[in-house]
Amino acid sequence: MIGQTIDIAYWNQVLKDKTPDEIIDWALRLTNNNIVTTSFGVYSEVLLSTITKHSNDIKVIWCDTLYNQPSTYEHAENITEKYHLNLRKYQSLLSKEEVEKTIGFPSLEDDNFDQFSEVVKLEPFKRALKEHNPEVWFTNIRVRQTELRNKKDILSLSKNGILKVSPFYYWTDADLDAYVTKHNLTKNVDYFDPIKALQSRECGIHLQ
């Protein structure tokens, strides 16, 4: 795996002063076996518009929880068409109705919340990783989002050794808002993740 052959600490220092475009260009040179994940969340168009300039056929992995707002599905459709995304959509093997009949729609405090998380988000994501077996995984995590993400960097490793690349890691919301305005992009302000539930809570896939 690529992530086990490079000095991540060294390259994090080198890349810290680079632009997202330069970071993406550097990472794409490592291997052709890449994916980018998206939830079609608030700032999703920022990463997708940037990375497709460098690789217009990169596999875009979307784990649809089945609980997205209608505006998120509309946003996903618009962004997919706008950038001709090579979208690979994954979702629970159970229908939404089956999930609610067997597990319900639990709150964080409920005993079956972990099972709900596994069924609607984690299993589909694990299935996506197994199917595509990427060496490099582009993501839009940023510092200051959660306790876990504060401990990451531009480059980090997943549990199974995939090199995770976060080109906008050090960008603030204000930085992204300015970028959105400058490039006439859209924000999905109504985004909701039933697994994340709270802004300070991890969504699950970045624990993998």
C-alpha atoms as a PDB file:
ATOM      1  CA  MET A   1       0.000   0.000   0.000  1.00  0.00           C
ATOM      2  CA  ILE A   2       1.232   3.486  -0.905  1.00  0.00           C
ATOM      3  CA  GLY A   3       0.569   4.818   2.592  1.00  0.00           C
ATOM      4  CA  GLN A   4       3.095   2.407   4.068  1.00  0.00           C
ATOM      5  CA  THR A   5       5.880   3.409   1.678  1.00  0.00           C
ATOM      6  CA  ILE A   6       5.985   7.177   2.201  1.00  0.00           C
ATOM      7  CA  ASP A   7       7.094   9.279   5.174  1.00  0.00           C
ATOM      8  CA  ILE A   8       3.746  10.782   6.166  1.00  0.00           C
ATOM      9  CA  ALA A   9       5.191  13.105   8.823  1.00  0.00           C
ATOM     10  CA  TYR A  10       7.688  14.528   6.332  1.00  0.00           C
ATOM     11  CA  TRP A  11       5.142  15.031   3.591  1.00  0.00           C
ATOM     12  CA  ASN A  12       2.646  16.649   5.946  1.00  0.00           C
ATOM     13  CA  GLN A  13       5.266  19.305   6.649  1.00  0.00           C
ATOM     14  CA  VAL A  14       5.982  19.764   2.951  1.00  0.00           C
ATOM     15  CA  LEU A  15       2.330  19.907   1.931  1.00  0.00           C
ATOM     16  CA  LYS A  16       1.165  22.202   4.735  1.00  0.00           C
ATOM     17  CA  ASP A  17       2.028  25.306   2.704  1.00  0.00           C
ATOM     18  CA  LYS A  18       0.719  23.929  -0.583  1.00  0.00           C
ATOM     19  CA  THR A  19      -2.623  24.764  -2.171  1.00  0.00           C
ATOM     20  CA  PRO A  20      -5.371  22.124  -2.400  1.00  0.00           C
ATOM     21  CA  ASP A  21      -4.681  21.889  -6.137  1.00  0.00           C
ATOM     22  CA  GLU A  22      -0.998  21.197  -5.484  1.00  0.00           C
ATOM     23  CA  ILE A  23      -1.834  18.619  -2.808  1.00  0.00           C
ATOM     24  CA  ILE A  24      -4.259  16.813  -5.123  1.00  0.00           C
ATOM     25  CA  ASP A  25      -1.772  16.873  -7.995  1.00  0.00           C
ATOM     26  CA  TRP A  26       0.946  15.431  -5.733  1.00  0.00           C
ATOM     27  CA  ALA A  27      -1.309  12.650  -4.430  1.00  0.00           C
ATOM     28  CA  LEU A  28      -2.605  11.657  -7.854  1.00  0.00           C
ATOM     29  CA  ARG A  29       0.962  11.013  -8.981  1.00  0.00           C
ATOM     30  CA  LEU A  30       1.319   8.271  -6.357  1.00  0.00           C
ATOM     31  CA  THR A  31      -1.128   5.804  -7.910  1.00  0.00           C
ATOM     32  CA  ASN A  32      -4.028   5.466 -10.320  1.00  0.00           C
ATOM     33  CA  ASN A  33      -6.014   3.598  -7.663  1.00  0.00           C
ATOM     34  CA  ASN A  34      -7.883   6.520  -6.089  1.00  0.00           C
ATOM     35  CA  ILE A  35     -11.316   7.308  -4.691  1.00  0.00           C
ATOM     36  CA  VAL A  36     -12.932  10.425  -3.298  1.00  0.00           C
ATOM     37  CA  THR A  37     -15.750  10.171  -0.765  1.00  0.00           C
ATOM     38  CA  THR A  38     -18.595  12.623  -0.431  1.00  0.00           C
ATOM     39  CA  SER A  39     -21.745  12.959   1.614  1.00  0.00           C
ATOM     40  CA  PHE A  40     -22.931  15.810  -0.624  1.00  0.00           C
ATOM     41  CA  GLY A  41     -22.787  17.857   2.550  1.00  0.00           C
ATOM     42  CA  VAL A  42     -22.433  21.587   3.098  1.00  0.00           C
ATOM     43  CA  TYR A  43     -19.079  22.128   1.338  1.00  0.00           C
ATOM     44  CA  SER A  44     -19.090  19.061  -0.890  1.00  0.00           C
ATOM     45  CA  GLU A  45     -18.863  21.024  -4.119  1.00  0.00           C
ATOM     46  CA  VAL A  46     -15.577  22.588  -3.024  1.00  0.00           C
ATOM     47  CA  LEU A  47     -13.661  19.291  -3.034  1.00  0.00           C
ATOM     48  CA  LEU A  48     -15.523  17.747  -5.962  1.00  0.00           C
ATOM     49  CA  SER A  49     -15.097  20.795  -8.211  1.00  0.00           C
ATOM     50  CA  THR A  50     -11.390  20.891  -7.385  1.00  0.00           C
ATOM     51  CA  ILE A  51     -10.512  17.239  -7.731  1.00  0.00           C
ATOM     52  CA  THR A  52     -12.393  16.729 -11.000  1.00  0.00           C
ATOM     53  CA  LYS A  53     -10.171  19.378 -12.583  1.00  0.00           C
ATOM     54  CA  HIS A  54      -7.281  16.959 -12.049  1.00  0.00           C
ATOM     55  CA  SER A  55      -9.061  13.628 -12.530  1.00  0.00           C
ATOM     56  CA  ASN A  56     -12.418  13.729 -14.276  1.00  0.00           C
ATOM     57  CA  ASP A  57     -12.966   9.975 -13.978  1.00  0.00           C
ATOM     58  CA  ILE A  58     -12.010   9.460 -10.325  1.00  0.00           C
ATOM     59  CA  LYS A  59     -14.447   7.165  -8.541  1.00  0.00           C
ATOM     60  CA  VAL A  60     -16.743   9.190  -6.280  1.00  0.00           C
ATOM     61  CA  ILE A  61     -18.077   7.097  -3.395  1.00  0.00           C
ATOM     62  CA  TRP A  62     -21.356   8.201  -1.824  1.00  0.00           C
ATOM     63  CA  CYS A  63     -22.851   6.243   1.059  1.00  0.00           C
ATOM     64  CA  ASP A  64     -26.460   7.365   1.047  1.00  0.00           C
ATOM     65  CA  THR A  65     -27.902   6.859   4.540  1.00  0.00           C
ATOM     66  CA  LEU A  66     -31.461   6.898   3.118  1.00  0.00           C
ATOM     67  CA  TYR A  67     -32.206   9.747   5.543  1.00  0.00           C
ATOM     68  CA  ASN A  68     -30.954  12.695   3.521  1.00  0.00           C
ATOM     69  CA  GLN A  69     -33.085  15.780   3.093  1.00  0.00           C
ATOM     70  CA  PRO A  70     -34.776  16.208  -0.329  1.00  0.00           C
ATOM     71  CA  SER A  71     -32.463  19.173  -0.880  1.00  0.00           C
ATOM     72  CA  THR A  72     -29.445  16.887  -0.483  1.00  0.00           C
ATOM     73  CA  TYR A  73     -30.684  14.497  -3.170  1.00  0.00           C
ATOM     74  CA  GLU A  74     -31.269  17.498  -5.437  1.00  0.00           C
ATOM     75  CA  HIS A  75     -27.792  18.836  -4.620  1.00  0.00           C
ATOM     76  CA  ALA A  76     -26.269  15.426  -5.389  1.00  0.00           C
ATOM     77  CA  GLU A  77     -28.040  15.242  -8.733  1.00  0.00           C
ATOM     78  CA  ASN A  78     -26.991  18.767  -9.699  1.00  0.00           C
ATOM     79  CA  ILE A  79     -23.347  18.267  -8.725  1.00  0.00           C
ATOM     80  CA  THR A  80     -23.186  14.883 -10.439  1.00  0.00           C
ATOM     81  CA  GLU A  81     -24.473  16.381 -13.680  1.00  0.00           C
ATOM     82  CA  LYS A  82     -22.369  19.542 -13.436  1.00  0.00           C
ATOM     83  CA  TYR A  83     -19.057  17.695 -13.056  1.00  0.00           C
ATOM     84  CA  HIS A  84     -20.010  14.459 -14.840  1.00  0.00           C
ATOM     85  CA  LEU A  85     -19.076  12.562 -11.695  1.00  0.00           C
ATOM     86  CA  ASN A  86     -18.088   8.920 -11.890  1.00  0.00           C
ATOM     87  CA  LEU A  87     -20.476   8.332  -9.009  1.00  0.00           C
ATOM     88  CA  ARG A  88     -20.672   5.020  -7.162  1.00  0.00           C
ATOM     89  CA  LYS A  89     -23.624   5.041  -4.773  1.00  0.00           C
ATOM     90  CA  TYR A  90     -23.863   2.667  -1.842  1.00  0.00           C
ATOM     91  CA  GLN A  91     -26.672   2.241   0.645  1.00  0.00           C
ATOM     92  CA  SER A  92     -28.033  -0.207   3.176  1.00  0.00           C
ATOM     93  CA  LEU A  93     -28.904  -3.694   2.005  1.00  0.00           C
ATOM     94  CA  LEU A  94     -32.192  -3.079   3.813  1.00  0.00           C
ATOM     95  CA  SER A  95     -34.787  -0.595   2.610  1.00  0.00           C
ATOM     96  CA  LYS A  96     -35.576   2.401   4.795  1.00  0.00           C
ATOM     97  CA  GLU A  97     -38.850   0.718   5.734  1.00  0.00           C
ATOM     98  CA  GLU A  98     -37.038  -2.482   6.733  1.00  0.00           C
ATOM     99  CA  VAL A  99     -34.519  -0.525   8.796  1.00  0.00           C
ATOM    100  CA  GLU A 100     -37.245   1.238  10.728  1.00  0.00           C
ATOM    101  CA  LYS A 101     -39.255  -1.951  11.195  1.00  0.00           C
ATOM    102  CA  THR A 102     -36.321  -3.958  12.562  1.00  0.00           C
ATOM    103  CA  ILE A 103     -34.119  -1.301  14.205  1.00  0.00           C
ATOM    104  CA  GLY A 104     -36.194   1.857  14.281  1.00  0.00           C
ATOM    105  CA  PHE A 105     -34.779   5.357  14.054  1.00  0.00           C
ATOM    106  CA  PRO A 106     -32.857   5.471  17.341  1.00  0.00           C
ATOM    107  CA  SER A 107     -31.381   8.468  19.118  1.00  0.00           C
ATOM    108  CA  LEU A 108     -27.763   8.515  20.302  1.00  0.00           C
ATOM    109  CA  GLU A 109     -28.847   7.285  23.719  1.00  0.00           C
ATOM    110  CA  ASP A 110     -30.623   4.170  22.435  1.00  0.00           C
ATOM    111  CA  ASP A 111     -28.942   0.774  22.768  1.00  0.00           C
ATOM    112  CA  ASN A 112     -29.473  -0.037  19.091  1.00  0.00           C
ATOM    113  CA  PHE A 113     -27.913   3.175  17.732  1.00  0.00           C
ATOM    114  CA  ASP A 114     -24.656   1.334  16.955  1.00  0.00           C
ATOM    115  CA  GLN A 115     -26.585  -1.278  14.981  1.00  0.00           C
ATOM    116  CA  PHE A 116     -28.408   1.484  13.110  1.00  0.00           C
ATOM    117  CA  SER A 117     -25.064   3.133  12.281  1.00  0.00           C
ATOM    118  CA  GLU A 118     -23.621  -0.139  11.030  1.00  0.00           C
ATOM    119  CA  VAL A 119     -26.595  -0.941   8.809  1.00  0.00           C
ATOM    120  CA  VAL A 120     -27.200   2.454   7.213  1.00  0.00           C
ATOM    121  CA  LYS A 121     -23.655   3.778   6.854  1.00  0.00           C
ATOM    122  CA  LEU A 122     -20.738   1.639   7.967  1.00  0.00           C
ATOM    123  CA  GLU A 123     -21.603  -1.597   6.181  1.00  0.00           C
ATOM    124  CA  PRO A 124     -22.208   0.199   2.857  1.00  0.00           C
ATOM    125  CA  PHE A 125     -18.890   2.021   3.247  1.00  0.00           C
ATOM    126  CA  LYS A 126     -16.973  -1.152   4.120  1.00  0.00           C
ATOM    127  CA  ARG A 127     -18.555  -2.770   1.076  1.00  0.00           C
ATOM    128  CA  ALA A 128     -17.383   0.140  -1.101  1.00  0.00           C
ATOM    129  CA  LEU A 129     -13.810  -0.129   0.197  1.00  0.00           C
ATOM    130  CA  LYS A 130     -13.769  -3.881  -0.344  1.00  0.00           C
ATOM    131  CA  GLU A 131     -15.072  -3.518  -3.883  1.00  0.00           C
ATOM    132  CA  HIS A 132     -12.669  -0.774  -4.979  1.00  0.00           C
ATOM    133  CA  ASN A 133      -9.695  -1.499  -2.679  1.00  0.00           C
ATOM    134  CA  PRO A 134      -8.185   1.990  -3.121  1.00  0.00           C
ATOM    135  CA  GLU A 135      -4.641   3.010  -2.256  1.00  0.00           C
ATOM    136  CA  VAL A 136      -5.484   6.726  -1.938  1.00  0.00           C
ATOM    137  CA  TRP A 137      -8.693   8.119  -0.465  1.00  0.00           C
ATOM    138  CA  PHE A 138      -9.466  11.818  -0.922  1.00  0.00           C
ATOM    139  CA  THR A 139     -11.704  13.293   1.737  1.00  0.00           C
ATOM    140  CA  ASN A 140     -12.838  16.702   2.963  1.00  0.00           C
ATOM    141  CA  ILE A 141     -12.175  16.354   6.681  1.00  0.00           C
ATOM    142  CA  ARG A 142     -10.793  19.470   8.337  1.00  0.00           C
ATOM    143  CA  VAL A 143      -9.177  20.447  11.604  1.00  0.00           C
ATOM    144  CA  ARG A 144     -11.523  21.830  14.293  1.00  0.00           C
ATOM    145  CA  GLN A 145     -14.444  19.675  13.113  1.00  0.00           C
ATOM    146  CA  THR A 146     -14.238  16.881  15.713  1.00  0.00           C
ATOM    147  CA  GLU A 147     -11.796  15.658  18.348  1.00  0.00           C
ATOM    148  CA  LEU A 148     -10.716  12.827  16.050  1.00  0.00           C
ATOM    149  CA  ARG A 149     -10.118  15.124  13.085  1.00  0.00           C
ATOM    150  CA  ASN A 150      -8.012  17.478  15.203  1.00  0.00           C
ATOM    151  CA  LYS A 151      -5.548  14.603  15.540  1.00  0.00           C
ATOM    152  CA  LYS A 152      -5.270  14.025  11.795  1.00  0.00           C
ATOM    153  CA  ASP A 153      -3.447  16.051   9.139  1.00  0.00           C
ATOM    154  CA  ILE A 154      -3.448  16.543   5.377  1.00  0.00           C
ATOM    155  CA  LEU A 155      -2.185  12.971   5.125  1.00  0.00           C
ATOM    156  CA  SER A 156      -3.213  10.164   7.453  1.00  0.00           C
ATOM    157  CA  LEU A 157      -3.741   6.424   7.316  1.00  0.00           C
ATOM    158  CA  SER A 158      -6.976   4.505   7.607  1.00  0.00           C
ATOM    159  CA  LYS A 159      -7.047   1.426   9.830  1.00  0.00           C
ATOM    160  CA  ASN A 160      -6.371  -0.787   6.826  1.00  0.00           C
ATOM    161  CA  GLY A 161      -3.524   1.291   5.461  1.00  0.00           C
ATOM    162  CA  ILE A 162      -5.229   3.469   2.857  1.00  0.00           C
ATOM    163  CA  LEU A 163      -3.564   6.864   2.459  1.00  0.00           C
ATOM    164  CA  LYS A 164      -6.185   9.500   3.273  1.00  0.00           C
ATOM    165  CA  VAL A 165      -5.628  12.887   1.653  1.00  0.00           C
ATOM    166  CA  SER A 166      -7.487  15.961   2.921  1.00  0.00           C
ATOM    167  CA  PRO A 167      -6.535  18.868   0.630  1.00  0.00           C
ATOM    168  CA  PHE A 168      -8.590  21.458   2.558  1.00  0.00           C
ATOM    169  CA  TYR A 169      -7.581  20.218   6.013  1.00  0.00           C
ATOM    170  CA  TYR A 170      -6.405  23.592   7.364  1.00  0.00           C
ATOM    171  CA  TRP A 171      -9.168  25.669   5.785  1.00  0.00           C
ATOM    172  CA  THR A 172     -11.761  27.337   8.014  1.00  0.00           C
ATOM    173  CA  ASP A 173     -15.453  27.725   7.257  1.00  0.00           C
ATOM    174  CA  ALA A 174     -14.712  31.350   6.402  1.00  0.00           C
ATOM    175  CA  ASP A 175     -12.034  30.250   3.922  1.00  0.00           C
ATOM    176  CA  LEU A 176     -14.473  27.840   2.280  1.00  0.00           C
ATOM    177  CA  ASP A 177     -17.262  30.405   2.196  1.00  0.00           C
ATOM    178  CA  ALA A 178     -14.945  32.829   0.405  1.00  0.00           C
ATOM    179  CA  TYR A 179     -13.980  30.082  -2.057  1.00  0.00           C
ATOM    180  CA  VAL A 180     -17.646  29.233  -2.680  1.00  0.00           C
ATOM    181  CA  THR A 181     -18.422  32.883  -3.399  1.00  0.00           C
ATOM    182  CA  LYS A 182     -15.363  33.419  -5.616  1.00  0.00           C
ATOM    183  CA  HIS A 183     -16.088  30.350  -7.760  1.00  0.00           C
ATOM    184  CA  ASN A 184     -19.884  30.663  -7.726  1.00  0.00           C
ATOM    185  CA  LEU A 185     -20.398  27.292  -6.055  1.00  0.00           C
ATOM    186  CA  THR A 186     -23.365  26.071  -4.019  1.00  0.00           C
ATOM    187  CA  LYS A 187     -23.611  25.039  -0.358  1.00  0.00           C
ATOM    188  CA  ASN A 188     -25.939  22.346   0.895  1.00  0.00           C
ATOM    189  CA  VAL A 189     -27.000  24.178   4.039  1.00  0.00           C
ATOM    190  CA  ASP A 190     -29.767  21.704   4.950  1.00  0.00           C
ATOM    191  CA  TYR A 191     -27.485  18.676   5.140  1.00  0.00           C
ATOM    192  CA  PHE A 192     -28.262  16.212   7.928  1.00  0.00           C
ATOM    193  CA  ASP A 193     -26.437  12.999   8.843  1.00  0.00           C
ATOM    194  CA  PRO A 194     -28.418  10.739  11.222  1.00  0.00           C
ATOM    195  CA  ILE A 195     -25.206   8.934  12.213  1.00  0.00           C
ATOM    196  CA  LYS A 196     -23.250  12.067  13.029  1.00  0.00           C
ATOM    197  CA  ALA A 197     -26.308  13.608  14.744  1.00  0.00           C
ATOM    198  CA  LEU A 198     -24.198  16.273  16.471  1.00  0.00           C
ATOM    199  CA  GLN A 199     -21.732  18.680  14.818  1.00  0.00           C
ATOM    200  CA  SER A 200     -18.978  17.611  17.226  1.00  0.00           C
ATOM    201  CA  ARG A 201     -19.578  13.899  16.690  1.00  0.00           C
ATOM    202  CA  GLU A 202     -17.777  11.699  14.172  1.00  0.00           C
ATOM    203  CA  CYS A 203     -19.909  10.282  11.345  1.00  0.00           C
ATOM    204  CA  GLY A 204     -18.339   6.835  11.442  1.00  0.00           C
ATOM    205  CA  ILE A 205     -16.453   6.278   8.199  1.00  0.00           C
ATOM    206  CA  HIS A 206     -13.389   8.179   9.405  1.00  0.00           C
ATOM    207  CA  LEU A 207     -13.085   5.770  12.305  1.00  0.00           C
ATOM    208  CA  GLN A 208     -12.332   3.078   9.723  1.00  0.00           C
END
